[in-house]
């Protein structure tokens, strides 16, 4: 093979320049990246002007990034890459609750609340009782499971998006299961909302004829000793955006019932059980 670059041997020439002492995993990833990127350029016969548009897009995306905003994560989300990486890294057996993306609005350190407590404090929205169990694959209840929950408010904003308007811990809380594995808390029936669409990613969605909406969902992050961490949502079953989530986060098994409550405590009730799988590494270490 010639050591000089040609259209025909572009991929091989670039990959041949890697040094001998490169980390094996880095070599594997970069070799595949170059192979697929060069194949894409050749397949589409990309023009110089089109490549310039791509460079400009990446430059503008970088300029928008800050501690509060990560445009590249948004780019990954709307291309389905975030969900694909999540799916590959959280393959679970049938019967276990499926993972989905964490999202940008989790806040560590939410207060631990008593089982059955309220997490919504702004007086807005339709109240909902969330209830169910945390179980092992064999159906046994899991005691001591830590359930970290958060959602948007009735106007579609998370508390971190409205400092000074919402209390920091509005629609947030942590609950610890007892011996029966049961959980219960009062929040609101969440609402759908748009992802940030005022930057280059939003312009790309418009160009592609896509909308920026996420269907309504409640976030759950569940940890328990000896079990894999579960990061997931439950989705409101009648939401009109379920089948076209802008970030592809919906899985059919995560669509939860939201039924009118009968006891008058709340307007809605959403029962949902979570099934965890053992963490082989943690158990081996223990």
C-alpha atoms as a PDB file:
ATOM      1  CA  UNK A   1       0.000   0.000   0.000  1.00  0.00           C
ATOM      2  CA  UNK A   2       1.259   3.466  -0.864  1.00  0.00           C
ATOM      3  CA  UNK A   3       2.148   5.650   2.115  1.00  0.00           C
ATOM      4  CA  UNK A   4       0.681   8.652   0.312  1.00  0.00           C
ATOM      5  CA  UNK A   5      -2.937   9.723   0.594  1.00  0.00           C
ATOM      6  CA  UNK A   6      -5.338   8.966  -2.265  1.00  0.00           C
ATOM      7  CA  UNK A   7      -9.115   8.921  -2.429  1.00  0.00           C
ATOM      8  CA  UNK A   8      -9.069   5.133  -2.778  1.00  0.00           C
ATOM      9  CA  UNK A   9      -6.766   4.412   0.169  1.00  0.00           C
ATOM     10  CA  UNK A  10      -7.679   7.338   2.445  1.00  0.00           C
ATOM     11  CA  UNK A  11      -8.882   5.272   5.387  1.00  0.00           C
ATOM     12  CA  UNK A  12      -5.911   2.878   5.351  1.00  0.00           C
ATOM     13  CA  UNK A  13      -3.394   5.710   5.030  1.00  0.00           C
ATOM     14  CA  UNK A  14      -4.806   7.658   7.980  1.00  0.00           C
ATOM     15  CA  UNK A  15      -5.037   4.619  10.257  1.00  0.00           C
ATOM     16  CA  UNK A  16      -1.519   3.487   9.337  1.00  0.00           C
ATOM     17  CA  UNK A  17      -0.109   6.667  10.899  1.00  0.00           C
ATOM     18  CA  UNK A  18      -1.077   5.559  14.406  1.00  0.00           C
ATOM     19  CA  UNK A  19       1.871   4.766  16.642  1.00  0.00           C
ATOM     20  CA  UNK A  20       2.743   1.261  17.824  1.00  0.00           C
ATOM     21  CA  UNK A  21       2.264   2.036  21.535  1.00  0.00           C
ATOM     22  CA  UNK A  22      -1.292   3.369  21.269  1.00  0.00           C
ATOM     23  CA  UNK A  23      -3.762   2.083  23.878  1.00  0.00           C
ATOM     24  CA  UNK A  24      -5.548  -0.920  22.278  1.00  0.00           C
ATOM     25  CA  UNK A  25      -9.058   0.364  22.997  1.00  0.00           C
ATOM     26  CA  UNK A  26      -8.193   3.821  21.665  1.00  0.00           C
ATOM     27  CA  UNK A  27      -6.782   2.166  18.536  1.00  0.00           C
ATOM     28  CA  UNK A  28      -9.974   0.148  18.073  1.00  0.00           C
ATOM     29  CA  UNK A  29     -12.239   3.172  18.481  1.00  0.00           C
ATOM     30  CA  UNK A  30     -10.234   5.563  16.290  1.00  0.00           C
ATOM     31  CA  UNK A  31      -9.719   2.970  13.547  1.00  0.00           C
ATOM     32  CA  UNK A  32     -13.474   2.414  13.353  1.00  0.00           C
ATOM     33  CA  UNK A  33     -14.198   6.157  13.513  1.00  0.00           C
ATOM     34  CA  UNK A  34     -11.879   6.901  10.592  1.00  0.00           C
ATOM     35  CA  UNK A  35     -13.275   3.951   8.611  1.00  0.00           C
ATOM     36  CA  UNK A  36     -16.904   5.016   9.011  1.00  0.00           C
ATOM     37  CA  UNK A  37     -16.245   8.757   8.636  1.00  0.00           C
ATOM     38  CA  UNK A  38     -14.338   8.277   5.380  1.00  0.00           C
ATOM     39  CA  UNK A  39     -17.027   5.895   4.092  1.00  0.00           C
ATOM     40  CA  UNK A  40     -19.674   8.543   4.893  1.00  0.00           C
ATOM     41  CA  UNK A  41     -17.763  11.253   3.005  1.00  0.00           C
ATOM     42  CA  UNK A  42     -17.342   8.968  -0.004  1.00  0.00           C
ATOM     43  CA  UNK A  43     -20.946   7.712   0.011  1.00  0.00           C
ATOM     44  CA  UNK A  44     -22.389  11.230   0.074  1.00  0.00           C
ATOM     45  CA  UNK A  45     -19.683  12.795  -2.133  1.00  0.00           C
ATOM     46  CA  UNK A  46     -19.548  15.564   0.441  1.00  0.00           C
ATOM     47  CA  UNK A  47     -18.778  18.999  -1.006  1.00  0.00           C
ATOM     48  CA  UNK A  48     -16.332  21.467   0.500  1.00  0.00           C
ATOM     49  CA  UNK A  49     -19.213  23.818   1.210  1.00  0.00           C
ATOM     50  CA  UNK A  50     -21.163  21.115   3.041  1.00  0.00           C
ATOM     51  CA  UNK A  51     -18.126  20.194   5.135  1.00  0.00           C
ATOM     52  CA  UNK A  52     -17.716  23.884   5.936  1.00  0.00           C
ATOM     53  CA  UNK A  53     -21.327  23.975   7.172  1.00  0.00           C
ATOM     54  CA  UNK A  54     -20.570  20.988   9.411  1.00  0.00           C
ATOM     55  CA  UNK A  55     -17.488  22.708  10.869  1.00  0.00           C
ATOM     56  CA  UNK A  56     -19.523  25.877  11.453  1.00  0.00           C
ATOM     57  CA  UNK A  57     -22.239  23.844  13.205  1.00  0.00           C
ATOM     58  CA  UNK A  58     -19.689  22.262  15.553  1.00  0.00           C
ATOM     59  CA  UNK A  59     -18.069  25.630  16.233  1.00  0.00           C
ATOM     60  CA  UNK A  60     -21.400  27.212  17.149  1.00  0.00           C
ATOM     61  CA  UNK A  61     -22.332  24.195  19.300  1.00  0.00           C
ATOM     62  CA  UNK A  62     -19.094  24.556  21.237  1.00  0.00           C
ATOM     63  CA  UNK A  63     -19.671  28.275  21.726  1.00  0.00           C
ATOM     64  CA  UNK A  64     -23.048  27.576  23.345  1.00  0.00           C
ATOM     65  CA  UNK A  65     -21.650  25.149  25.908  1.00  0.00           C
ATOM     66  CA  UNK A  66     -21.398  26.293  29.517  1.00  0.00           C
ATOM     67  CA  UNK A  67     -21.891  24.905  33.010  1.00  0.00           C
ATOM     68  CA  UNK A  68     -25.640  25.228  32.482  1.00  0.00           C
ATOM     69  CA  UNK A  69     -25.859  24.155  28.822  1.00  0.00           C
ATOM     70  CA  UNK A  70     -24.211  21.282  26.919  1.00  0.00           C
ATOM     71  CA  UNK A  71     -25.104  21.560  23.248  1.00  0.00           C
ATOM     72  CA  UNK A  72     -23.055  18.509  22.263  1.00  0.00           C
ATOM     73  CA  UNK A  73     -25.034  16.268  24.626  1.00  0.00           C
ATOM     74  CA  UNK A  74     -28.179  17.697  23.047  1.00  0.00           C
ATOM     75  CA  UNK A  75     -26.724  16.874  19.609  1.00  0.00           C
ATOM     76  CA  UNK A  76     -26.027  13.323  20.760  1.00  0.00           C
ATOM     77  CA  UNK A  77     -29.542  13.050  22.198  1.00  0.00           C
ATOM     78  CA  UNK A  78     -31.436  14.102  19.074  1.00  0.00           C
ATOM     79  CA  UNK A  79     -29.379  11.777  16.859  1.00  0.00           C
ATOM     80  CA  UNK A  80     -30.318   8.849  19.099  1.00  0.00           C
ATOM     81  CA  UNK A  81     -26.678   8.239  20.031  1.00  0.00           C
ATOM     82  CA  UNK A  82     -27.199   8.861  23.758  1.00  0.00           C
ATOM     83  CA  UNK A  83     -29.977   6.267  23.862  1.00  0.00           C
ATOM     84  CA  UNK A  84     -27.962   3.773  21.794  1.00  0.00           C
ATOM     85  CA  UNK A  85     -24.945   4.035  24.113  1.00  0.00           C
ATOM     86  CA  UNK A  86     -27.299   3.693  27.089  1.00  0.00           C
ATOM     87  CA  UNK A  87     -28.968   0.601  25.585  1.00  0.00           C
ATOM     88  CA  UNK A  88     -25.649  -1.116  24.809  1.00  0.00           C
ATOM     89  CA  UNK A  89     -24.318  -0.485  28.308  1.00  0.00           C
ATOM     90  CA  UNK A  90     -27.506  -1.544  30.128  1.00  0.00           C
ATOM     91  CA  UNK A  91     -28.625  -4.751  28.462  1.00  0.00           C
ATOM     92  CA  UNK A  92     -30.929  -6.536  30.885  1.00  0.00           C
ATOM     93  CA  UNK A  93     -32.804  -9.851  30.896  1.00  0.00           C
ATOM     94  CA  UNK A  94     -36.507 -10.047  30.186  1.00  0.00           C
ATOM     95  CA  UNK A  95     -38.554  -8.979  33.177  1.00  0.00           C
ATOM     96  CA  UNK A  96     -36.049  -6.410  34.423  1.00  0.00           C
ATOM     97  CA  UNK A  97     -36.942  -2.726  34.171  1.00  0.00           C
ATOM     98  CA  UNK A  98     -35.318  -1.018  31.211  1.00  0.00           C
ATOM     99  CA  UNK A  99     -32.920   1.886  31.490  1.00  0.00           C
ATOM    100  CA  UNK A 100     -33.219   5.234  29.764  1.00  0.00           C
ATOM    101  CA  UNK A 101     -31.127   8.403  29.683  1.00  0.00           C
ATOM    102  CA  UNK A 102     -30.387  10.334  32.871  1.00  0.00           C
ATOM    103  CA  UNK A 103     -31.067  13.729  31.336  1.00  0.00           C
ATOM    104  CA  UNK A 104     -29.451  17.039  32.339  1.00  0.00           C
ATOM    105  CA  UNK A 105     -31.714  18.023  35.233  1.00  0.00           C
ATOM    106  CA  UNK A 106     -30.791  15.627  38.046  1.00  0.00           C
ATOM    107  CA  UNK A 107     -29.529  17.348  41.197  1.00  0.00           C
ATOM    108  CA  UNK A 108     -27.524  15.369  43.740  1.00  0.00           C
ATOM    109  CA  UNK A 109     -28.365  15.683  47.425  1.00  0.00           C
ATOM    110  CA  UNK A 110     -32.156  15.804  47.281  1.00  0.00           C
ATOM    111  CA  UNK A 111     -33.680  15.456  50.773  1.00  0.00           C
ATOM    112  CA  UNK A 112     -34.644  12.026  52.052  1.00  0.00           C
ATOM    113  CA  UNK A 113     -38.355  12.117  52.741  1.00  0.00           C
ATOM    114  CA  UNK A 114     -40.710   9.879  54.697  1.00  0.00           C
ATOM    115  CA  UNK A 115     -42.567   7.298  52.645  1.00  0.00           C
ATOM    116  CA  UNK A 116     -45.787   8.833  51.337  1.00  0.00           C
ATOM    117  CA  UNK A 117     -44.542  12.426  51.589  1.00  0.00           C
ATOM    118  CA  UNK A 118     -45.206  15.145  49.052  1.00  0.00           C
ATOM    119  CA  UNK A 119     -42.431  16.347  46.719  1.00  0.00           C
ATOM    120  CA  UNK A 120     -44.372  19.150  45.009  1.00  0.00           C
ATOM    121  CA  UNK A 121     -44.553  22.507  46.806  1.00  0.00           C
ATOM    122  CA  UNK A 122     -45.461  25.218  44.304  1.00  0.00           C
ATOM    123  CA  UNK A 123     -49.176  24.485  44.343  1.00  0.00           C
ATOM    124  CA  UNK A 124     -49.248  23.973  40.583  1.00  0.00           C
ATOM    125  CA  UNK A 125     -50.315  20.967  38.562  1.00  0.00           C
ATOM    126  CA  UNK A 126     -52.541  17.942  39.001  1.00  0.00           C
ATOM    127  CA  UNK A 127     -51.456  15.906  42.010  1.00  0.00           C
ATOM    128  CA  UNK A 128     -50.538  12.267  41.509  1.00  0.00           C
ATOM    129  CA  UNK A 129     -49.808   9.398  43.891  1.00  0.00           C
ATOM    130  CA  UNK A 130     -46.846   7.342  42.687  1.00  0.00           C
ATOM    131  CA  UNK A 131     -46.806   3.884  44.201  1.00  0.00           C
ATOM    132  CA  UNK A 132     -45.373   0.436  43.635  1.00  0.00           C
ATOM    133  CA  UNK A 133     -42.593  -1.894  44.670  1.00  0.00           C
ATOM    134  CA  UNK A 134     -38.891  -2.416  44.067  1.00  0.00           C
ATOM    135  CA  UNK A 135     -38.346  -6.095  43.335  1.00  0.00           C
ATOM    136  CA  UNK A 136     -35.674  -8.614  42.408  1.00  0.00           C
ATOM    137  CA  UNK A 137     -36.051 -10.717  39.260  1.00  0.00           C
ATOM    138  CA  UNK A 138     -37.574 -13.540  41.300  1.00  0.00           C
ATOM    139  CA  UNK A 139     -40.243 -11.190  42.657  1.00  0.00           C
ATOM    140  CA  UNK A 140     -38.707 -10.784  46.115  1.00  0.00           C
ATOM    141  CA  UNK A 141     -39.048  -7.285  47.601  1.00  0.00           C
ATOM    142  CA  UNK A 142     -35.841  -5.285  47.964  1.00  0.00           C
ATOM    143  CA  UNK A 143     -35.387  -3.509  51.276  1.00  0.00           C
ATOM    144  CA  UNK A 144     -33.150  -0.475  51.575  1.00  0.00           C
ATOM    145  CA  UNK A 145     -33.540   0.579  47.932  1.00  0.00           C
ATOM    146  CA  UNK A 146     -32.854   4.284  47.510  1.00  0.00           C
ATOM    147  CA  UNK A 147     -35.322   5.885  45.076  1.00  0.00           C
ATOM    148  CA  UNK A 148     -34.266   9.318  43.830  1.00  0.00           C
ATOM    149  CA  UNK A 149     -37.147  10.993  41.929  1.00  0.00           C
ATOM    150  CA  UNK A 150     -37.562  14.278  40.044  1.00  0.00           C
ATOM    151  CA  UNK A 151     -39.831  15.859  37.458  1.00  0.00           C
ATOM    152  CA  UNK A 152     -40.711  19.130  35.804  1.00  0.00           C
ATOM    153  CA  UNK A 153     -43.452  21.342  37.204  1.00  0.00           C
ATOM    154  CA  UNK A 154     -46.842  21.994  35.629  1.00  0.00           C
ATOM    155  CA  UNK A 155     -45.295  24.619  33.332  1.00  0.00           C
ATOM    156  CA  UNK A 156     -42.691  22.209  31.953  1.00  0.00           C
ATOM    157  CA  UNK A 157     -39.666  23.525  33.875  1.00  0.00           C
ATOM    158  CA  UNK A 158     -37.339  21.746  36.305  1.00  0.00           C
ATOM    159  CA  UNK A 159     -36.365  23.582  39.464  1.00  0.00           C
ATOM    160  CA  UNK A 160     -32.776  24.109  38.248  1.00  0.00           C
ATOM    161  CA  UNK A 161     -34.151  25.962  35.223  1.00  0.00           C
ATOM    162  CA  UNK A 162     -35.970  28.476  37.422  1.00  0.00           C
ATOM    163  CA  UNK A 163     -33.746  29.465  40.337  1.00  0.00           C
ATOM    164  CA  UNK A 164     -35.509  32.051  42.425  1.00  0.00           C
ATOM    165  CA  UNK A 165     -38.862  31.015  40.999  1.00  0.00           C
ATOM    166  CA  UNK A 166     -39.034  27.392  42.083  1.00  0.00           C
ATOM    167  CA  UNK A 167     -37.655  26.028  45.340  1.00  0.00           C
ATOM    168  CA  UNK A 168     -34.458  24.077  44.654  1.00  0.00           C
ATOM    169  CA  UNK A 169     -36.085  20.835  45.789  1.00  0.00           C
ATOM    170  CA  UNK A 170     -39.497  21.318  44.212  1.00  0.00           C
ATOM    171  CA  UNK A 171     -40.611  18.042  42.597  1.00  0.00           C
ATOM    172  CA  UNK A 172     -37.569  16.226  43.970  1.00  0.00           C
ATOM    173  CA  UNK A 173     -36.993  13.754  46.777  1.00  0.00           C
ATOM    174  CA  UNK A 174     -35.412  10.501  47.921  1.00  0.00           C
ATOM    175  CA  UNK A 175     -37.302   7.567  49.450  1.00  0.00           C
ATOM    176  CA  UNK A 176     -35.928   4.425  51.097  1.00  0.00           C
ATOM    177  CA  UNK A 177     -37.885   1.173  50.861  1.00  0.00           C
ATOM    178  CA  UNK A 178     -38.657  -1.001  53.875  1.00  0.00           C
ATOM    179  CA  UNK A 179     -38.814  -4.784  54.072  1.00  0.00           C
ATOM    180  CA  UNK A 180     -41.862  -4.891  51.774  1.00  0.00           C
ATOM    181  CA  UNK A 181     -40.043  -3.040  48.964  1.00  0.00           C
ATOM    182  CA  UNK A 182     -42.945  -0.592  48.719  1.00  0.00           C
ATOM    183  CA  UNK A 183     -42.616   3.046  47.731  1.00  0.00           C
ATOM    184  CA  UNK A 184     -45.171   5.846  47.701  1.00  0.00           C
ATOM    185  CA  UNK A 185     -45.007   9.611  47.254  1.00  0.00           C
ATOM    186  CA  UNK A 186     -47.128  12.492  46.002  1.00  0.00           C
ATOM    187  CA  UNK A 187     -45.956  14.528  43.048  1.00  0.00           C
ATOM    188  CA  UNK A 188     -47.764  15.929  40.044  1.00  0.00           C
ATOM    189  CA  UNK A 189     -48.762  14.409  36.739  1.00  0.00           C
ATOM    190  CA  UNK A 190     -45.839  15.745  34.683  1.00  0.00           C
ATOM    191  CA  UNK A 191     -46.267  17.598  31.402  1.00  0.00           C
ATOM    192  CA  UNK A 192     -44.416  17.462  28.094  1.00  0.00           C
ATOM    193  CA  UNK A 193     -41.841  20.152  27.334  1.00  0.00           C
ATOM    194  CA  UNK A 194     -39.422  21.207  24.576  1.00  0.00           C
ATOM    195  CA  UNK A 195     -35.707  20.576  24.795  1.00  0.00           C
ATOM    196  CA  UNK A 196     -33.621  23.758  24.344  1.00  0.00           C
ATOM    197  CA  UNK A 197     -34.030  24.639  20.670  1.00  0.00           C
ATOM    198  CA  UNK A 198     -32.540  28.136  20.446  1.00  0.00           C
ATOM    199  CA  UNK A 199     -29.129  26.892  19.279  1.00  0.00           C
ATOM    200  CA  UNK A 200     -27.640  25.008  16.333  1.00  0.00           C
ATOM    201  CA  UNK A 201     -29.283  21.732  17.359  1.00  0.00           C
ATOM    202  CA  UNK A 202     -32.694  23.410  17.346  1.00  0.00           C
ATOM    203  CA  UNK A 203     -32.017  24.827  13.882  1.00  0.00           C
ATOM    204  CA  UNK A 204     -31.013  21.361  12.706  1.00  0.00           C
ATOM    205  CA  UNK A 205     -34.307  19.917  13.989  1.00  0.00           C
ATOM    206  CA  UNK A 206     -36.233  22.559  12.046  1.00  0.00           C
ATOM    207  CA  UNK A 207     -34.263  21.752   8.893  1.00  0.00           C
ATOM    208  CA  UNK A 208     -35.090  18.063   9.363  1.00  0.00           C
ATOM    209  CA  UNK A 209     -38.792  18.718   9.892  1.00  0.00           C
ATOM    210  CA  UNK A 210     -38.613  17.482  13.481  1.00  0.00           C
ATOM    211  CA  UNK A 211     -40.115  18.898  16.684  1.00  0.00           C
ATOM    212  CA  UNK A 212     -38.207  19.435  19.974  1.00  0.00           C
ATOM    213  CA  UNK A 213     -40.799  17.945  22.345  1.00  0.00           C
ATOM    214  CA  UNK A 214     -40.255  15.380  25.084  1.00  0.00           C
ATOM    215  CA  UNK A 215     -43.316  13.467  26.325  1.00  0.00           C
ATOM    216  CA  UNK A 216     -44.294  13.847  29.982  1.00  0.00           C
ATOM    217  CA  UNK A 217     -42.299  11.658  32.372  1.00  0.00           C
ATOM    218  CA  UNK A 218     -41.197  11.131  35.972  1.00  0.00           C
ATOM    219  CA  UNK A 219     -37.514  10.382  36.562  1.00  0.00           C
ATOM    220  CA  UNK A 220     -36.346   7.552  38.809  1.00  0.00           C
ATOM    221  CA  UNK A 221     -32.823   6.580  39.856  1.00  0.00           C
ATOM    222  CA  UNK A 222     -32.836   3.475  42.035  1.00  0.00           C
ATOM    223  CA  UNK A 223     -29.864   1.998  43.855  1.00  0.00           C
ATOM    224  CA  UNK A 224     -29.717  -0.929  46.264  1.00  0.00           C
ATOM    225  CA  UNK A 225     -26.791  -2.898  47.717  1.00  0.00           C
ATOM    226  CA  UNK A 226     -25.915  -5.844  45.476  1.00  0.00           C
ATOM    227  CA  UNK A 227     -27.985  -4.611  42.519  1.00  0.00           C
ATOM    228  CA  UNK A 228     -27.233  -2.657  39.365  1.00  0.00           C
ATOM    229  CA  UNK A 229     -28.221   0.987  39.446  1.00  0.00           C
ATOM    230  CA  UNK A 230     -31.385   1.714  37.473  1.00  0.00           C
ATOM    231  CA  UNK A 231     -31.822   5.092  35.747  1.00  0.00           C
ATOM    232  CA  UNK A 232     -35.189   5.331  34.060  1.00  0.00           C
ATOM    233  CA  UNK A 233     -38.418   7.287  33.478  1.00  0.00           C
ATOM    234  CA  UNK A 234     -42.066   6.389  33.652  1.00  0.00           C
ATOM    235  CA  UNK A 235     -44.048   8.010  30.838  1.00  0.00           C
ATOM    236  CA  UNK A 236     -47.602   9.321  30.901  1.00  0.00           C
ATOM    237  CA  UNK A 237     -49.536   6.861  28.769  1.00  0.00           C
ATOM    238  CA  UNK A 238     -51.794   9.322  26.948  1.00  0.00           C
ATOM    239  CA  UNK A 239     -49.093  11.833  26.000  1.00  0.00           C
ATOM    240  CA  UNK A 240     -49.287  12.808  22.310  1.00  0.00           C
ATOM    241  CA  UNK A 241     -45.488  12.903  21.923  1.00  0.00           C
ATOM    242  CA  UNK A 242     -44.741   9.329  23.058  1.00  0.00           C
ATOM    243  CA  UNK A 243     -44.032   7.974  19.578  1.00  0.00           C
ATOM    244  CA  UNK A 244     -41.895  10.949  18.521  1.00  0.00           C
ATOM    245  CA  UNK A 245     -39.799  11.810  21.595  1.00  0.00           C
ATOM    246  CA  UNK A 246     -37.098  14.221  20.407  1.00  0.00           C
ATOM    247  CA  UNK A 247     -34.392  12.247  22.245  1.00  0.00           C
ATOM    248  CA  UNK A 248     -35.785   8.725  21.618  1.00  0.00           C
ATOM    249  CA  UNK A 249     -36.053   7.997  25.361  1.00  0.00           C
ATOM    250  CA  UNK A 250     -39.412   6.200  25.346  1.00  0.00           C
ATOM    251  CA  UNK A 251     -39.522   2.424  25.724  1.00  0.00           C
ATOM    252  CA  UNK A 252     -42.854   0.673  25.574  1.00  0.00           C
ATOM    253  CA  UNK A 253     -42.314  -1.084  28.905  1.00  0.00           C
ATOM    254  CA  UNK A 254     -41.880   2.295  30.635  1.00  0.00           C
ATOM    255  CA  UNK A 255     -45.279   3.706  29.660  1.00  0.00           C
ATOM    256  CA  UNK A 256     -47.112   3.827  32.982  1.00  0.00           C
ATOM    257  CA  UNK A 257     -50.799   3.971  33.846  1.00  0.00           C
ATOM    258  CA  UNK A 258     -52.112   7.268  35.167  1.00  0.00           C
ATOM    259  CA  UNK A 259     -55.629   6.578  36.447  1.00  0.00           C
ATOM    260  CA  UNK A 260     -58.043   8.782  38.384  1.00  0.00           C
ATOM    261  CA  UNK A 261     -57.471   8.349  42.126  1.00  0.00           C
ATOM    262  CA  UNK A 262     -60.397   7.032  44.131  1.00  0.00           C
ATOM    263  CA  UNK A 263     -59.442   8.054  47.665  1.00  0.00           C
ATOM    264  CA  UNK A 264     -59.485  11.822  47.117  1.00  0.00           C
ATOM    265  CA  UNK A 265     -55.883  12.348  48.280  1.00  0.00           C
ATOM    266  CA  UNK A 266     -54.726  13.140  44.751  1.00  0.00           C
ATOM    267  CA  UNK A 267     -56.284  13.558  41.342  1.00  0.00           C
ATOM    268  CA  UNK A 268     -54.240  10.788  39.751  1.00  0.00           C
ATOM    269  CA  UNK A 269     -52.591   7.528  40.752  1.00  0.00           C
ATOM    270  CA  UNK A 270     -49.693   5.904  38.914  1.00  0.00           C
ATOM    271  CA  UNK A 271     -48.767   2.368  40.005  1.00  0.00           C
ATOM    272  CA  UNK A 272     -45.476   0.960  38.687  1.00  0.00           C
ATOM    273  CA  UNK A 273     -43.121  -1.782  39.927  1.00  0.00           C
ATOM    274  CA  UNK A 274     -39.365  -1.641  39.301  1.00  0.00           C
ATOM    275  CA  UNK A 275     -37.348  -4.838  38.860  1.00  0.00           C
ATOM    276  CA  UNK A 276     -33.591  -4.717  39.500  1.00  0.00           C
ATOM    277  CA  UNK A 277     -30.921  -7.205  38.513  1.00  0.00           C
ATOM    278  CA  UNK A 278     -27.929  -8.321  40.584  1.00  0.00           C
ATOM    279  CA  UNK A 279     -24.664  -6.455  40.251  1.00  0.00           C
ATOM    280  CA  UNK A 280     -22.209  -9.298  39.713  1.00  0.00           C
ATOM    281  CA  UNK A 281     -19.143  -7.119  40.377  1.00  0.00           C
ATOM    282  CA  UNK A 282     -20.524  -5.756  43.666  1.00  0.00           C
ATOM    283  CA  UNK A 283     -21.492  -9.201  44.898  1.00  0.00           C
ATOM    284  CA  UNK A 284     -18.102 -10.671  43.962  1.00  0.00           C
ATOM    285  CA  UNK A 285     -16.341  -7.874  45.833  1.00  0.00           C
ATOM    286  CA  UNK A 286     -18.572  -8.415  48.858  1.00  0.00           C
END
